[in-house]
Amino acid sequence: MTYISDRITIDDRICNGKPTIRGKRITAQTILEFLQAGDSRETILHQYPSLEPEDIDACLAFAIDLMKRKYTLKVA
């Protein structure tokens, strides 16, 4: 298991290697999609009682960190 932050982990054996929250089967992408859809933090925490508010913050920080990277698009 690789720790991206203290709360975001990547393990090839969990969720096909997608970034998850603390090794749980809850992906950072899932939480970001809930937020994008307009769900409140309270709703997400109710849907996933094992999560903590800091887990949502970690997902947002992870997404921001990804956007700081340089990307190059290649024309096929």
C-alpha atoms as a PDB file:
ATOM      1  CA  MET A   1       0.000   0.000   0.000  1.00  0.00           C
ATOM      2  CA  THR A   2       1.300   3.434  -0.932  1.00  0.00           C
ATOM      3  CA  TYR A   3       0.363   6.457   1.140  1.00  0.00           C
ATOM      4  CA  ILE A   4      -0.247   9.533  -0.992  1.00  0.00           C
ATOM      5  CA  SER A   5      -1.153  11.485   2.136  1.00  0.00           C
ATOM      6  CA  ASP A   6      -2.036  10.436   5.653  1.00  0.00           C
ATOM      7  CA  ARG A   7      -5.536   9.596   4.386  1.00  0.00           C
ATOM      8  CA  ILE A   8      -5.262   8.761   0.670  1.00  0.00           C
ATOM      9  CA  THR A   9      -3.798   5.355  -0.195  1.00  0.00           C
ATOM     10  CA  ILE A  10      -3.207   3.315  -3.323  1.00  0.00           C
ATOM     11  CA  ASP A  11      -3.159  -0.460  -3.260  1.00  0.00           C
ATOM     12  CA  ASP A  12      -3.361  -2.575  -6.423  1.00  0.00           C
ATOM     13  CA  ARG A  13      -5.546  -5.060  -4.515  1.00  0.00           C
ATOM     14  CA  ILE A  14      -8.181  -2.491  -3.518  1.00  0.00           C
ATOM     15  CA  CYS A  15     -10.545  -0.879  -6.053  1.00  0.00           C
ATOM     16  CA  ASN A  16      -8.245  -1.752  -8.966  1.00  0.00           C
ATOM     17  CA  GLY A  17      -5.507   0.510  -7.657  1.00  0.00           C
ATOM     18  CA  LYS A  18      -7.589   3.678  -7.568  1.00  0.00           C
ATOM     19  CA  PRO A  19      -6.811   6.138  -4.754  1.00  0.00           C
ATOM     20  CA  THR A  20      -8.905   5.217  -1.736  1.00  0.00           C
ATOM     21  CA  ILE A  21      -9.524   6.687   1.674  1.00  0.00           C
ATOM     22  CA  ARG A  22      -7.382   5.052   4.375  1.00  0.00           C
ATOM     23  CA  GLY A  23      -7.352   1.710   2.551  1.00  0.00           C
ATOM     24  CA  LYS A  24     -11.144   1.417   2.627  1.00  0.00           C
ATOM     25  CA  ARG A  25     -13.128   0.490  -0.446  1.00  0.00           C
ATOM     26  CA  ILE A  26     -14.213   4.091  -0.848  1.00  0.00           C
ATOM     27  CA  THR A  27     -12.418   5.897  -3.650  1.00  0.00           C
ATOM     28  CA  ALA A  28     -11.442   9.543  -3.625  1.00  0.00           C
ATOM     29  CA  GLN A  29     -13.240   9.761  -6.962  1.00  0.00           C
ATOM     30  CA  THR A  30     -16.512   8.641  -5.370  1.00  0.00           C
ATOM     31  CA  ILE A  31     -16.339  11.369  -2.742  1.00  0.00           C
ATOM     32  CA  LEU A  32     -15.407  14.000  -5.335  1.00  0.00           C
ATOM     33  CA  GLU A  33     -18.336  12.913  -7.501  1.00  0.00           C
ATOM     34  CA  PHE A  34     -20.732  13.294  -4.556  1.00  0.00           C
ATOM     35  CA  LEU A  35     -19.394  16.800  -3.935  1.00  0.00           C
ATOM     36  CA  GLN A  36     -19.640  17.670  -7.627  1.00  0.00           C
ATOM     37  CA  ALA A  37     -23.260  16.513  -7.628  1.00  0.00           C
ATOM     38  CA  GLY A  38     -23.994  18.995  -4.847  1.00  0.00           C
ATOM     39  CA  ASP A  39     -24.176  16.614  -1.905  1.00  0.00           C
ATOM     40  CA  SER A  40     -23.217  18.174   1.407  1.00  0.00           C
ATOM     41  CA  ARG A  41     -20.433  16.917   3.625  1.00  0.00           C
ATOM     42  CA  GLU A  42     -23.064  15.882   6.142  1.00  0.00           C
ATOM     43  CA  THR A  43     -24.857  13.765   3.535  1.00  0.00           C
ATOM     44  CA  ILE A  44     -21.622  12.057   2.501  1.00  0.00           C
ATOM     45  CA  LEU A  45     -20.677  11.352   6.107  1.00  0.00           C
ATOM     46  CA  HIS A  46     -24.144   9.934   6.712  1.00  0.00           C
ATOM     47  CA  GLN A  47     -23.858   7.678   3.627  1.00  0.00           C
ATOM     48  CA  TYR A  48     -20.380   6.533   4.706  1.00  0.00           C
ATOM     49  CA  PRO A  49     -20.341   6.446   8.520  1.00  0.00           C
ATOM     50  CA  SER A  50     -16.749   5.179   8.643  1.00  0.00           C
ATOM     51  CA  LEU A  51     -15.515   8.428   7.059  1.00  0.00           C
ATOM     52  CA  GLU A  52     -14.368  11.482   8.971  1.00  0.00           C
ATOM     53  CA  PRO A  53     -14.608  15.117   7.844  1.00  0.00           C
ATOM     54  CA  GLU A  54     -10.831  15.115   7.357  1.00  0.00           C
ATOM     55  CA  ASP A  55     -11.236  12.369   4.735  1.00  0.00           C
ATOM     56  CA  ILE A  56     -13.315  14.713   2.571  1.00  0.00           C
ATOM     57  CA  ASP A  57     -10.699  17.440   3.003  1.00  0.00           C
ATOM     58  CA  ALA A  58      -8.014  14.945   1.939  1.00  0.00           C
ATOM     59  CA  CYS A  59      -9.939  14.084  -1.247  1.00  0.00           C
ATOM     60  CA  LEU A  60     -10.177  17.753  -2.171  1.00  0.00           C
ATOM     61  CA  ALA A  61      -6.490  18.332  -1.415  1.00  0.00           C
ATOM     62  CA  PHE A  62      -5.602  15.281  -3.516  1.00  0.00           C
ATOM     63  CA  ALA A  63      -7.592  16.623  -6.489  1.00  0.00           C
ATOM     64  CA  ILE A  64      -5.979  20.049  -6.153  1.00  0.00           C
ATOM     65  CA  ASP A  65      -2.545  18.448  -6.036  1.00  0.00           C
ATOM     66  CA  LEU A  66      -3.273  16.547  -9.260  1.00  0.00           C
ATOM     67  CA  MET A  67      -4.264  19.782 -11.004  1.00  0.00           C
ATOM     68  CA  LYS A  68      -0.917  21.363 -10.057  1.00  0.00           C
ATOM     69  CA  ARG A  69       0.925  18.864 -12.236  1.00  0.00           C
ATOM     70  CA  LYS A  70       1.940  19.573 -15.793  1.00  0.00           C
ATOM     71  CA  TYR A  71       0.125  17.609 -18.478  1.00  0.00           C
ATOM     72  CA  THR A  72       0.970  17.175 -22.136  1.00  0.00           C
ATOM     73  CA  LEU A  73      -1.595  16.065 -24.690  1.00  0.00           C
ATOM     74  CA  LYS A  74      -0.442  14.184 -27.744  1.00  0.00           C
ATOM     75  CA  VAL A  75      -2.360  14.225 -30.991  1.00  0.00           C
ATOM     76  CA  ALA A  76      -3.085  10.698 -32.189  1.00  0.00           C
END
